[in-house]
N, C-alpha and C. Protein backbone atom coordinates (compact mmCIF):
# COMPACT_ATOMS: atom_id res chain seq x y z
N MET A 1 6.80 -13.85 -8.94
CA MET A 1 5.70 -13.55 -9.56
C MET A 1 5.81 -12.39 -9.92
N PRO A 2 5.64 -11.72 -11.03
CA PRO A 2 5.36 -10.48 -11.56
C PRO A 2 3.92 -9.87 -11.38
N ILE A 3 4.00 -8.73 -10.99
CA ILE A 3 2.42 -7.78 -10.40
C ILE A 3 1.99 -8.23 -11.57
N GLN A 4 0.28 -8.21 -11.74
CA GLN A 4 -0.46 -8.31 -12.69
C GLN A 4 -0.88 -7.01 -12.87
N LEU A 5 -1.46 -6.81 -14.17
CA LEU A 5 -2.42 -5.34 -14.21
C LEU A 5 -3.08 -4.84 -13.26
N THR A 6 -4.16 -6.19 -12.85
CA THR A 6 -5.20 -5.75 -12.08
C THR A 6 -4.51 -5.32 -10.69
N ASP A 7 -3.73 -6.00 -10.14
CA ASP A 7 -2.93 -5.75 -9.09
C ASP A 7 -2.19 -4.19 -9.04
N SER A 8 -1.65 -3.95 -10.05
CA SER A 8 -1.05 -2.52 -10.44
C SER A 8 -2.44 -1.68 -10.26
N CYS A 9 -3.58 -1.83 -10.69
CA CYS A 9 -4.64 -0.92 -10.81
C CYS A 9 -5.09 -0.68 -9.33
N VAL A 10 -4.94 -1.89 -8.24
CA VAL A 10 -5.79 -1.70 -6.94
C VAL A 10 -4.47 -1.22 -6.30
N SER A 11 -3.46 -1.30 -6.62
CA SER A 11 -2.15 -0.47 -5.77
C SER A 11 -2.46 0.85 -6.20
N LEU A 12 -2.53 1.21 -7.32
CA LEU A 12 -2.76 2.89 -7.76
C LEU A 12 -3.87 3.44 -6.95
N GLN A 13 -4.90 2.47 -6.92
CA GLN A 13 -6.09 3.28 -6.07
C GLN A 13 -5.85 3.35 -4.49
N ALA A 14 -5.14 2.47 -3.98
CA ALA A 14 -4.64 2.57 -2.45
C ALA A 14 -3.93 3.43 -2.52
N ALA A 15 -2.70 3.82 -3.13
CA ALA A 15 -1.91 4.64 -3.07
C ALA A 15 -2.14 5.88 -2.94
N GLN A 16 -3.25 6.45 -3.64
CA GLN A 16 -4.03 7.59 -3.35
C GLN A 16 -4.31 7.84 -1.92
N MET A 17 -4.60 7.19 -0.93
CA MET A 17 -4.80 7.09 0.38
C MET A 17 -3.62 7.68 1.30
N ALA A 18 -2.39 7.08 0.59
CA ALA A 18 -1.40 7.61 1.49
C ALA A 18 -0.75 8.79 1.16
N PRO A 19 -0.25 9.35 2.43
CA PRO A 19 0.17 11.08 2.03
C PRO A 19 1.19 11.27 0.75
N PRO A 20 0.95 12.59 0.29
CA PRO A 20 1.62 12.23 -1.14
C PRO A 20 2.98 12.27 -0.99
N ASP A 21 3.85 12.67 0.06
CA ASP A 21 5.19 12.71 0.37
C ASP A 21 5.52 11.24 0.43
N LEU A 22 4.93 10.33 1.01
CA LEU A 22 5.24 8.95 1.05
C LEU A 22 4.34 7.98 -0.02
N ARG A 23 4.21 8.49 -1.06
CA ARG A 23 3.58 7.46 -2.27
C ARG A 23 4.60 6.86 -3.20
N ASP A 24 6.07 7.39 -2.99
CA ASP A 24 7.04 6.73 -3.82
C ASP A 24 7.55 5.57 -3.17
N VAL A 25 7.47 5.34 -1.71
CA VAL A 25 7.57 4.21 -1.13
C VAL A 25 6.74 3.22 -1.40
N PHE A 26 5.23 3.90 -1.41
CA PHE A 26 4.34 2.68 -1.11
C PHE A 26 4.74 1.48 -2.14
N PRO A 27 4.66 1.41 -3.28
CA PRO A 27 4.89 0.57 -4.01
C PRO A 27 6.08 -0.35 -3.26
N GLU A 28 7.11 -0.11 -2.94
CA GLU A 28 8.16 -0.89 -2.32
C GLU A 28 7.47 -1.57 -1.09
N ARG A 29 6.82 -1.11 -0.16
CA ARG A 29 6.14 -1.60 0.99
C ARG A 29 5.12 -2.63 0.63
N VAL A 30 4.32 -2.60 -0.39
CA VAL A 30 3.46 -3.52 -1.11
C VAL A 30 4.15 -4.93 -1.37
N ALA A 31 5.11 -4.46 -2.36
CA ALA A 31 5.98 -5.83 -2.79
C ALA A 31 6.72 -6.17 -1.55
N ALA A 32 7.06 -5.73 -0.64
CA ALA A 32 7.94 -6.28 0.13
C ALA A 32 6.65 -6.92 1.29
N LYS A 33 5.71 -6.49 1.66
CA LYS A 33 4.68 -7.37 2.17
C LYS A 33 4.14 -8.64 1.36
N ARG A 34 3.85 -8.60 0.17
CA ARG A 34 3.51 -9.85 -0.49
C ARG A 34 4.54 -10.72 -0.83
N ARG A 35 5.74 -10.43 -0.59
CA ARG A 35 6.80 -11.09 -0.94
C ARG A 35 6.76 -12.65 -0.61
N GLY A 36 6.98 -13.75 -1.18
CA GLY A 36 6.66 -14.96 -0.26
C GLY A 36 5.27 -15.59 -0.41
N LYS A 37 4.42 -14.59 -0.56
CA LYS A 37 2.89 -15.19 -0.13
C LYS A 37 2.13 -15.76 -1.56
N ASP A 38 1.01 -16.87 -1.23
CA ASP A 38 0.50 -17.00 -2.27
C ASP A 38 -0.55 -16.55 -2.78
N LEU A 39 -0.63 -15.77 -3.99
CA LEU A 39 -1.62 -14.83 -4.45
C LEU A 39 -2.95 -15.32 -4.69
N GLY A 40 -3.76 -15.13 -3.58
CA GLY A 40 -5.16 -15.74 -3.55
C GLY A 40 -6.42 -14.49 -3.73
N ASP A 41 -7.29 -14.67 -4.07
CA ASP A 41 -8.33 -13.32 -4.25
C ASP A 41 -7.92 -12.54 -3.12
N GLY A 42 -7.85 -11.31 -3.79
CA GLY A 42 -7.91 -9.93 -2.96
C GLY A 42 -6.73 -9.93 -2.07
N LEU A 43 -5.53 -10.77 -2.16
CA LEU A 43 -4.55 -10.37 -1.36
C LEU A 43 -3.83 -9.41 -1.44
N VAL A 44 -3.44 -8.99 -2.59
CA VAL A 44 -2.81 -7.70 -3.03
C VAL A 44 -3.55 -6.40 -2.74
N ARG A 45 -5.08 -6.44 -2.70
CA ARG A 45 -5.82 -5.55 -2.52
C ARG A 45 -5.98 -5.49 -0.71
N ARG A 46 -6.01 -6.52 -0.25
CA ARG A 46 -5.99 -6.20 1.25
C ARG A 46 -4.29 -5.51 1.82
N ILE A 47 -3.45 -6.12 1.30
CA ILE A 47 -2.13 -5.66 1.48
C ILE A 47 -1.96 -4.05 1.33
N ALA A 48 -2.46 -3.63 -0.20
CA ALA A 48 -2.51 -2.27 -0.50
C ALA A 48 -3.06 -1.25 0.40
N TYR A 49 -4.20 -1.61 0.60
CA TYR A 49 -4.94 -0.92 1.35
C TYR A 49 -4.44 -0.68 3.01
N ASP A 50 -4.27 -1.93 3.45
CA ASP A 50 -3.57 -1.94 5.02
C ASP A 50 -2.43 -0.99 5.16
N ILE A 51 -1.52 -1.06 3.92
CA ILE A 51 -0.32 -0.08 3.97
C ILE A 51 -0.66 0.86 3.76
N ALA A 52 -1.71 1.43 3.20
CA ALA A 52 -2.21 2.74 2.69
C ALA A 52 -2.52 3.12 4.15
N ARG A 53 -3.46 2.53 4.60
CA ARG A 53 -4.07 3.10 6.10
C ARG A 53 -3.14 3.28 7.04
N ALA A 54 -2.11 2.59 7.11
CA ALA A 54 -1.01 2.50 8.11
C ALA A 54 -0.52 3.86 8.32
N MET A 55 -0.22 4.14 6.57
CA MET A 55 0.94 5.29 6.32
C MET A 55 -0.06 6.50 6.67
N ALA A 56 -1.29 6.59 6.37
CA ALA A 56 -2.12 7.88 6.58
C ALA A 56 -2.27 7.88 8.02
N TRP A 57 -2.54 6.97 8.71
CA TRP A 57 -2.61 7.25 10.05
C TRP A 57 -1.63 7.49 10.71
N ASP A 58 -0.18 7.19 10.46
CA ASP A 58 1.23 7.56 11.00
C ASP A 58 1.22 8.88 10.63
N ALA A 59 0.83 9.27 9.51
CA ALA A 59 0.89 10.98 9.18
C ALA A 59 0.36 11.58 9.99
N TRP A 60 -1.23 11.26 10.17
CA TRP A 60 -2.02 11.86 10.86
C TRP A 60 -1.47 12.38 12.47
N ARG A 61 -0.77 11.19 13.01
CA ARG A 61 -0.50 11.00 14.48
C ARG A 61 0.67 12.04 14.37
N THR A 62 1.60 11.81 13.34
CA THR A 62 2.73 12.61 13.49
C THR A 62 2.31 14.19 13.29
N ALA A 63 1.45 14.70 12.77
CA ALA A 63 0.97 15.97 12.28
C ALA A 63 0.19 16.50 13.77
N ALA A 64 -0.47 15.73 14.40
CA ALA A 64 -1.37 15.81 15.47
C ALA A 64 -0.26 16.26 16.81
N ALA A 65 0.71 15.35 16.87
CA ALA A 65 1.64 15.70 17.80
C ALA A 65 2.22 16.81 17.83
N GLY A 66 2.53 17.02 16.43
CA GLY A 66 3.60 18.18 16.59
C GLY A 66 3.74 19.17 15.70
C-alpha cells in the first residue's frame, strides 16, 4: 500500500527529531517497520515517532560515551 499524504506529513514531522545525519535513512526504517502491517489509526505516527526517538536516543548515548 502506498504511503498516504497524511502519513508522509507525520513522518516528516517525526524525522525532525532524528539526528540530521541519519534523516536520509529514516524513511527507509519507517517503511520497513510498517511493511506487512494493517494500517490502523495512528500506526504510521506511532512507528515514525518510535523510530525517531530511538535514533535520537542512540545518537545521544553514542555522543555521551565518547
